[in-house]
N, C-alpha and C. Protein backbone atom coordinates (compact mmCIF):
# COMPACT_ATOMS: atom_id res chain seq x y z
N MET A 1 19.41 162.25 61.53
CA MET A 1 19.17 163.43 60.73
C MET A 1 17.76 163.98 60.95
N SER A 2 16.77 163.09 61.13
CA SER A 2 15.42 163.56 61.30
C SER A 2 15.21 164.22 62.66
N ASN A 3 16.07 163.93 63.64
CA ASN A 3 15.93 164.52 64.96
C ASN A 3 16.16 166.03 64.93
N ILE A 4 17.02 166.50 64.07
CA ILE A 4 17.28 167.94 63.99
C ILE A 4 16.07 168.68 63.46
N TYR A 5 15.29 168.07 62.58
CA TYR A 5 14.10 168.74 62.05
C TYR A 5 13.03 168.86 63.10
N ASN A 6 12.95 167.90 64.01
CA ASN A 6 11.98 167.99 65.08
C ASN A 6 12.32 169.09 66.06
N SER A 7 13.60 169.43 66.18
CA SER A 7 14.02 170.47 67.11
C SER A 7 13.87 171.87 66.51
N LEU A 8 13.64 171.97 65.22
CA LEU A 8 13.49 173.28 64.59
C LEU A 8 12.02 173.66 64.62
N PRO A 9 11.65 174.69 65.39
CA PRO A 9 10.23 175.04 65.49
C PRO A 9 9.68 175.69 64.23
N PHE A 10 10.52 176.29 63.43
CA PHE A 10 10.04 177.02 62.26
C PHE A 10 10.08 176.19 60.99
N VAL A 11 10.60 174.97 61.05
CA VAL A 11 10.66 174.12 59.88
C VAL A 11 9.65 173.01 60.08
N ARG A 12 8.60 173.06 59.29
CA ARG A 12 7.58 172.03 59.39
C ARG A 12 7.35 171.44 58.02
N PHE A 13 7.51 170.16 57.93
CA PHE A 13 7.29 169.45 56.68
C PHE A 13 6.00 168.66 56.84
N SER A 14 4.90 169.37 56.91
CA SER A 14 3.63 168.69 57.09
C SER A 14 3.03 168.39 55.72
N SER A 15 2.29 167.32 55.68
CA SER A 15 1.65 166.92 54.45
C SER A 15 0.24 166.48 54.78
N THR A 16 -0.70 166.84 53.93
CA THR A 16 -2.08 166.45 54.15
C THR A 16 -2.34 165.04 53.64
N LYS A 17 -1.42 164.47 52.89
CA LYS A 17 -1.58 163.13 52.34
C LYS A 17 -1.12 162.10 53.35
N SER A 18 -1.76 160.96 53.32
CA SER A 18 -1.29 159.86 54.16
C SER A 18 -0.15 159.15 53.45
N MET A 19 0.54 158.28 54.15
CA MET A 19 1.67 157.56 53.57
C MET A 19 1.23 156.69 52.39
N ALA A 20 0.06 156.08 52.49
CA ALA A 20 -0.43 155.23 51.39
C ALA A 20 -0.71 156.05 50.15
N GLU A 21 -1.27 157.26 50.33
CA GLU A 21 -1.54 158.11 49.19
C GLU A 21 -0.26 158.61 48.55
N GLU A 22 0.77 158.89 49.36
CA GLU A 22 2.03 159.38 48.81
C GLU A 22 2.71 158.33 47.95
N GLU A 23 2.63 157.07 48.36
CA GLU A 23 3.28 156.00 47.60
C GLU A 23 2.59 155.76 46.27
N THR A 24 1.28 155.92 46.20
CA THR A 24 0.56 155.66 44.95
C THR A 24 0.55 156.89 44.05
N SER A 25 0.67 158.09 44.61
CA SER A 25 0.64 159.31 43.82
C SER A 25 2.03 159.61 43.26
N THR A 26 2.10 159.82 41.96
CA THR A 26 3.36 160.18 41.34
C THR A 26 3.28 161.56 40.69
N ARG A 27 2.20 162.27 40.94
CA ARG A 27 2.04 163.58 40.35
C ARG A 27 2.91 164.60 41.10
N PRO A 28 3.77 165.31 40.39
CA PRO A 28 4.64 166.29 41.05
C PRO A 28 3.84 167.51 41.50
N GLU A 29 4.41 168.24 42.45
CA GLU A 29 3.75 169.44 42.97
C GLU A 29 3.96 170.64 42.07
N PHE A 30 5.05 170.69 41.33
CA PHE A 30 5.29 171.80 40.41
C PHE A 30 4.37 171.65 39.20
N PRO A 31 3.91 172.76 38.64
CA PRO A 31 3.06 172.67 37.45
C PRO A 31 3.86 172.19 36.24
N LEU A 32 3.38 171.13 35.63
CA LEU A 32 4.11 170.52 34.51
C LEU A 32 4.21 171.47 33.32
N GLY A 33 3.17 172.24 33.07
CA GLY A 33 3.18 173.16 31.94
C GLY A 33 4.27 174.22 32.07
N ARG A 34 4.44 174.71 33.28
CA ARG A 34 5.47 175.74 33.50
C ARG A 34 6.86 175.16 33.37
N VAL A 35 7.06 173.95 33.89
CA VAL A 35 8.36 173.29 33.76
C VAL A 35 8.67 173.04 32.29
N LYS A 36 7.65 172.64 31.55
CA LYS A 36 7.83 172.39 30.11
C LYS A 36 8.23 173.68 29.39
N LYS A 37 7.59 174.81 29.75
CA LYS A 37 7.95 176.09 29.13
C LYS A 37 9.40 176.47 29.44
N ILE A 38 9.82 176.22 30.68
CA ILE A 38 11.20 176.53 31.06
C ILE A 38 12.17 175.65 30.28
N MET A 39 11.82 174.37 30.13
CA MET A 39 12.68 173.47 29.37
C MET A 39 12.77 173.88 27.91
N LYS A 40 11.68 174.38 27.36
CA LYS A 40 11.65 174.77 25.94
C LYS A 40 12.41 176.07 25.68
N LEU A 41 12.82 176.77 26.73
CA LEU A 41 13.64 177.96 26.53
C LEU A 41 14.99 177.61 25.90
N ASP A 42 15.41 176.35 26.10
CA ASP A 42 16.64 175.87 25.48
C ASP A 42 16.35 175.63 24.00
N LYS A 43 17.14 176.25 23.14
CA LYS A 43 16.91 176.16 21.69
C LYS A 43 17.12 174.74 21.14
N GLU A 44 17.89 173.93 21.85
CA GLU A 44 18.18 172.58 21.37
C GLU A 44 17.05 171.60 21.65
N ILE A 45 16.11 171.97 22.49
CA ILE A 45 15.01 171.08 22.85
C ILE A 45 13.80 171.43 22.01
N ASN A 46 13.34 170.46 21.22
CA ASN A 46 12.15 170.66 20.39
C ASN A 46 10.92 170.01 21.00
N LYS A 47 11.03 168.73 21.32
CA LYS A 47 9.92 167.99 21.90
C LYS A 47 10.35 167.43 23.25
N ILE A 48 9.36 167.32 24.15
CA ILE A 48 9.64 166.80 25.47
C ILE A 48 8.71 165.63 25.73
N ASN A 49 9.30 164.50 26.01
CA ASN A 49 8.54 163.29 26.32
C ASN A 49 7.84 163.47 27.66
N SER A 50 6.67 162.90 27.80
CA SER A 50 5.89 163.01 29.04
C SER A 50 6.65 162.44 30.23
N GLU A 51 7.27 161.29 30.04
CA GLU A 51 8.02 160.68 31.14
C GLU A 51 9.23 161.53 31.53
N ALA A 52 9.89 162.08 30.54
CA ALA A 52 11.05 162.93 30.82
C ALA A 52 10.62 164.19 31.58
N LEU A 53 9.47 164.73 31.22
CA LEU A 53 8.95 165.91 31.90
C LEU A 53 8.68 165.59 33.37
N HIS A 54 8.09 164.42 33.63
CA HIS A 54 7.82 164.03 35.01
C HIS A 54 9.12 163.82 35.81
N VAL A 55 10.10 163.20 35.18
CA VAL A 55 11.37 162.95 35.87
C VAL A 55 12.08 164.26 36.19
N ILE A 56 12.12 165.17 35.24
CA ILE A 56 12.77 166.47 35.46
C ILE A 56 12.04 167.24 36.56
N THR A 57 10.73 167.24 36.51
CA THR A 57 9.95 167.97 37.50
C THR A 57 10.15 167.39 38.90
N TYR A 58 10.10 166.07 39.00
CA TYR A 58 10.27 165.44 40.30
C TYR A 58 11.69 165.62 40.84
N SER A 59 12.68 165.52 39.97
CA SER A 59 14.06 165.70 40.44
C SER A 59 14.30 167.15 40.86
N THR A 60 13.66 168.10 40.21
CA THR A 60 13.77 169.50 40.61
C THR A 60 13.16 169.71 41.99
N GLU A 61 12.02 169.07 42.23
CA GLU A 61 11.40 169.15 43.54
C GLU A 61 12.31 168.57 44.62
N LEU A 62 12.89 167.42 44.34
CA LEU A 62 13.79 166.80 45.31
C LEU A 62 15.00 167.68 45.59
N PHE A 63 15.56 168.27 44.56
CA PHE A 63 16.73 169.13 44.73
C PHE A 63 16.39 170.36 45.57
N LEU A 64 15.26 171.00 45.28
CA LEU A 64 14.88 172.18 46.04
C LEU A 64 14.54 171.84 47.49
N HIS A 65 13.95 170.66 47.69
CA HIS A 65 13.67 170.21 49.05
C HIS A 65 14.99 169.99 49.81
N PHE A 66 15.95 169.38 49.15
CA PHE A 66 17.28 169.15 49.74
C PHE A 66 17.94 170.48 50.09
N LEU A 67 17.88 171.43 49.17
CA LEU A 67 18.49 172.73 49.39
C LEU A 67 17.81 173.48 50.53
N ALA A 68 16.50 173.37 50.61
CA ALA A 68 15.76 174.02 51.70
C ALA A 68 16.11 173.40 53.04
N GLU A 69 16.25 172.09 53.09
CA GLU A 69 16.62 171.41 54.34
C GLU A 69 18.00 171.85 54.80
N LYS A 70 18.97 171.85 53.89
CA LYS A 70 20.33 172.23 54.26
C LYS A 70 20.40 173.70 54.69
N SER A 71 19.64 174.56 54.02
CA SER A 71 19.62 175.97 54.39
C SER A 71 18.96 176.16 55.75
N ALA A 72 17.94 175.37 56.05
CA ALA A 72 17.27 175.45 57.35
C ALA A 72 18.23 175.03 58.46
N ILE A 73 19.06 174.05 58.20
CA ILE A 73 20.03 173.61 59.20
C ILE A 73 21.04 174.72 59.48
N VAL A 74 21.52 175.36 58.44
CA VAL A 74 22.47 176.47 58.61
C VAL A 74 21.80 177.61 59.38
N THR A 75 20.54 177.89 59.05
CA THR A 75 19.81 178.95 59.73
C THR A 75 19.67 178.64 61.22
N ALA A 76 19.38 177.38 61.55
CA ALA A 76 19.26 176.99 62.95
C ALA A 76 20.60 177.07 63.67
N GLU A 77 21.67 176.71 62.99
CA GLU A 77 23.00 176.79 63.59
C GLU A 77 23.37 178.23 63.93
N LYS A 78 22.92 179.16 63.10
CA LYS A 78 23.23 180.57 63.34
C LYS A 78 22.18 181.25 64.21
N LYS A 79 21.25 180.43 64.74
CA LYS A 79 20.21 180.89 65.66
C LYS A 79 19.37 182.02 65.05
N ARG A 80 18.95 181.81 63.84
CA ARG A 80 18.07 182.75 63.14
C ARG A 80 16.75 182.07 62.84
N LYS A 81 15.76 182.87 62.50
CA LYS A 81 14.45 182.30 62.16
C LYS A 81 14.13 182.41 60.68
N THR A 82 14.88 183.23 59.97
CA THR A 82 14.62 183.45 58.55
C THR A 82 15.84 183.01 57.74
N VAL A 83 15.58 182.22 56.72
CA VAL A 83 16.66 181.79 55.82
C VAL A 83 16.96 182.96 54.89
N ASN A 84 18.23 183.32 54.80
CA ASN A 84 18.62 184.38 53.87
C ASN A 84 19.67 183.85 52.88
N LEU A 85 20.11 184.70 52.00
CA LEU A 85 21.05 184.31 50.96
C LEU A 85 22.35 183.79 51.54
N ASP A 86 22.80 184.36 52.62
CA ASP A 86 24.04 183.92 53.26
C ASP A 86 23.93 182.47 53.73
N HIS A 87 22.79 182.11 54.30
CA HIS A 87 22.56 180.73 54.75
C HIS A 87 22.53 179.77 53.57
N LEU A 88 21.90 180.21 52.48
CA LEU A 88 21.84 179.37 51.28
C LEU A 88 23.22 179.15 50.70
N ARG A 89 24.03 180.22 50.64
CA ARG A 89 25.39 180.08 50.12
C ARG A 89 26.22 179.15 50.99
N THR A 90 26.06 179.22 52.31
CA THR A 90 26.80 178.34 53.21
C THR A 90 26.39 176.89 53.00
N ALA A 91 25.09 176.65 52.84
CA ALA A 91 24.61 175.29 52.61
C ALA A 91 25.15 174.73 51.30
N VAL A 92 25.21 175.57 50.28
CA VAL A 92 25.73 175.12 48.98
C VAL A 92 27.22 174.82 49.08
N LYS A 93 27.96 175.66 49.81
CA LYS A 93 29.40 175.44 49.96
C LYS A 93 29.72 174.14 50.69
N ARG A 94 28.86 173.77 51.62
CA ARG A 94 29.11 172.56 52.40
C ARG A 94 28.90 171.28 51.60
N HIS A 95 28.13 171.33 50.55
CA HIS A 95 27.86 170.14 49.74
C HIS A 95 28.61 170.29 48.41
N GLN A 96 29.70 169.58 48.27
CA GLN A 96 30.62 169.77 47.14
C GLN A 96 29.96 169.60 45.76
N PRO A 97 29.17 168.53 45.52
CA PRO A 97 28.57 168.41 44.18
C PRO A 97 27.66 169.59 43.84
N THR A 98 26.93 170.09 44.82
CA THR A 98 26.06 171.24 44.57
C THR A 98 26.91 172.49 44.38
N SER A 99 27.95 172.61 45.16
CA SER A 99 28.81 173.78 45.07
C SER A 99 29.47 173.90 43.70
N ASP A 100 29.81 172.75 43.10
CA ASP A 100 30.51 172.77 41.81
C ASP A 100 29.72 173.49 40.72
N PHE A 101 28.39 173.33 40.73
CA PHE A 101 27.65 173.94 39.63
C PHE A 101 26.77 175.12 40.05
N LEU A 102 26.45 175.24 41.33
CA LEU A 102 25.48 176.25 41.73
C LEU A 102 26.09 177.50 42.35
N LEU A 103 27.23 177.39 42.94
CA LEU A 103 27.80 178.51 43.69
C LEU A 103 28.07 179.72 42.80
N ASP A 104 28.48 179.48 41.57
CA ASP A 104 28.75 180.60 40.65
C ASP A 104 27.47 181.31 40.23
N SER A 105 26.33 180.61 40.29
CA SER A 105 25.06 181.19 39.86
C SER A 105 24.39 182.02 40.94
N LEU A 106 24.76 181.79 42.20
CA LEU A 106 24.15 182.55 43.29
C LEU A 106 24.72 183.95 43.33
N PRO A 107 23.89 184.94 43.63
CA PRO A 107 24.42 186.30 43.73
C PRO A 107 25.36 186.43 44.92
N LEU A 108 26.30 187.33 44.79
CA LEU A 108 27.26 187.57 45.87
C LEU A 108 26.55 188.26 47.02
N PRO A 109 26.98 188.00 48.25
CA PRO A 109 26.36 188.69 49.38
C PRO A 109 26.63 190.18 49.31
N ALA A 110 25.70 190.96 49.82
CA ALA A 110 25.84 192.41 49.78
C ALA A 110 26.99 192.84 50.68
N GLN A 111 27.83 193.69 50.15
CA GLN A 111 28.95 194.21 50.92
C GLN A 111 28.46 195.42 51.72
N PRO A 112 28.84 195.53 53.00
CA PRO A 112 28.42 196.70 53.76
C PRO A 112 29.08 197.96 53.19
N VAL A 113 28.30 198.99 53.07
CA VAL A 113 28.79 200.24 52.50
C VAL A 113 29.28 201.12 53.63
N LYS A 114 30.52 201.61 53.50
CA LYS A 114 31.08 202.50 54.50
C LYS A 114 30.90 203.94 54.02
N HIS A 115 30.21 204.71 54.82
CA HIS A 115 29.97 206.12 54.49
C HIS A 115 30.96 206.97 55.26
N THR A 116 32.04 207.36 54.60
CA THR A 116 33.02 208.22 55.26
C THR A 116 32.69 209.69 55.03
N LYS A 117 32.17 209.99 53.85
CA LYS A 117 31.79 211.37 53.54
C LYS A 117 30.34 211.37 53.11
N SER A 118 29.68 212.48 53.32
CA SER A 118 28.30 212.57 52.87
C SER A 118 28.27 212.76 51.36
N VAL A 119 27.12 212.55 50.78
CA VAL A 119 26.96 212.65 49.34
C VAL A 119 27.21 214.07 48.86
N SER A 120 26.83 215.06 49.67
CA SER A 120 27.02 216.46 49.26
C SER A 120 28.49 216.86 49.26
N ASP A 121 29.32 216.19 50.08
CA ASP A 121 30.74 216.51 50.13
C ASP A 121 31.49 216.02 48.89
N LYS A 122 30.99 214.96 48.29
CA LYS A 122 31.67 214.39 47.13
C LYS A 122 31.26 215.13 45.88
N LYS A 123 32.24 215.41 45.04
CA LYS A 123 31.96 216.01 43.74
C LYS A 123 32.00 214.92 42.70
N ALA A 124 31.11 215.02 41.74
CA ALA A 124 31.09 214.04 40.66
C ALA A 124 32.32 214.25 39.79
N PRO A 125 32.92 213.18 39.31
CA PRO A 125 34.08 213.35 38.45
C PRO A 125 33.66 214.02 37.15
N PRO A 126 34.56 214.79 36.55
CA PRO A 126 34.21 215.46 35.30
C PRO A 126 33.97 214.43 34.20
N PRO A 127 33.09 214.77 33.26
CA PRO A 127 32.84 213.81 32.18
C PRO A 127 34.07 213.67 31.30
N PRO A 128 34.20 212.57 30.59
CA PRO A 128 35.35 212.40 29.70
C PRO A 128 35.39 213.50 28.64
N ILE A 129 36.57 213.74 28.11
CA ILE A 129 36.76 214.80 27.11
C ILE A 129 35.91 214.48 25.88
N GLY A 130 35.23 215.49 25.39
CA GLY A 130 34.39 215.31 24.20
C GLY A 130 32.96 214.95 24.55
N THR A 131 32.65 214.81 25.82
CA THR A 131 31.28 214.52 26.23
C THR A 131 30.82 215.61 27.18
N ARG A 132 29.54 215.64 27.44
CA ARG A 132 29.02 216.62 28.38
C ARG A 132 27.93 215.97 29.22
N ARG A 133 27.67 216.59 30.33
CA ARG A 133 26.66 216.06 31.23
C ARG A 133 25.28 216.32 30.67
N ILE A 134 24.33 215.50 31.04
CA ILE A 134 22.97 215.68 30.55
C ILE A 134 22.34 216.94 31.14
N ASP A 135 22.81 217.37 32.30
CA ASP A 135 22.31 218.62 32.88
C ASP A 135 22.59 219.79 31.95
N ASP A 136 23.76 219.76 31.30
CA ASP A 136 24.11 220.84 30.38
C ASP A 136 23.13 220.92 29.22
N PHE A 137 22.66 219.77 28.77
CA PHE A 137 21.74 219.74 27.65
C PHE A 137 20.43 220.43 28.00
N PHE A 138 19.93 220.15 29.21
CA PHE A 138 18.64 220.71 29.60
C PHE A 138 18.75 222.16 30.07
N SER A 139 19.89 222.58 30.51
CA SER A 139 20.03 223.95 31.00
C SER A 139 20.61 224.88 29.93
N LYS A 140 20.80 224.39 28.73
CA LYS A 140 21.43 225.19 27.68
C LYS A 140 20.58 226.40 27.30
N GLY A 141 19.28 226.24 27.24
CA GLY A 141 18.39 227.35 26.90
C GLY A 141 18.48 228.46 27.92
N LYS A 142 18.60 228.12 29.18
CA LYS A 142 18.69 229.11 30.24
C LYS A 142 20.01 229.87 30.16
N GLU A 143 21.09 229.16 29.81
CA GLU A 143 22.40 229.82 29.71
C GLU A 143 22.42 230.81 28.57
N LYS A 144 21.76 230.50 27.45
CA LYS A 144 21.74 231.41 26.31
C LYS A 144 21.02 232.69 26.66
N THR A 145 19.92 232.56 27.40
CA THR A 145 19.19 233.77 27.77
C THR A 145 20.00 234.59 28.77
N ASP A 146 20.76 233.94 29.65
CA ASP A 146 21.58 234.64 30.62
C ASP A 146 22.75 235.33 29.93
N ASP A 147 23.33 234.70 28.90
CA ASP A 147 24.48 235.28 28.19
C ASP A 147 24.07 236.50 27.37
N SER A 148 22.87 236.48 26.82
CA SER A 148 22.46 237.57 25.94
C SER A 148 22.08 238.80 26.72
N ALA A 149 21.80 238.67 28.01
CA ALA A 149 21.36 239.82 28.82
C ALA A 149 22.50 240.68 29.27
């Protein structure tokens, strides 16, 4: 698995820390205060234990790292240099546990728009009965002056 990362020129997982420092350091890279604020958005959560905050933060980092790796693999398979939403959706679909909860939350890919007629050729549908267009509201003063002349 690690051989594929070495073949990807645009994916670099460099770290300034040595292996010894990584093993002794348990501080997550995400800001703990921000993660705590996001967790507190849930009305059922009142207090957050320090250890729980660290575990949630670290597991979020691991999950995002996993998702980035899988998306990078899909991007390389499609011979692209930039990861886009389509690559992310493909990576999520390939991993069943992730697909079960995350696929519904991802936005749908943009559908290509077919332009058969120009915008000027199309007429806007009439407003429903009992309503009027906002243009009528603003042009009403002009119509009254035109009618009285």
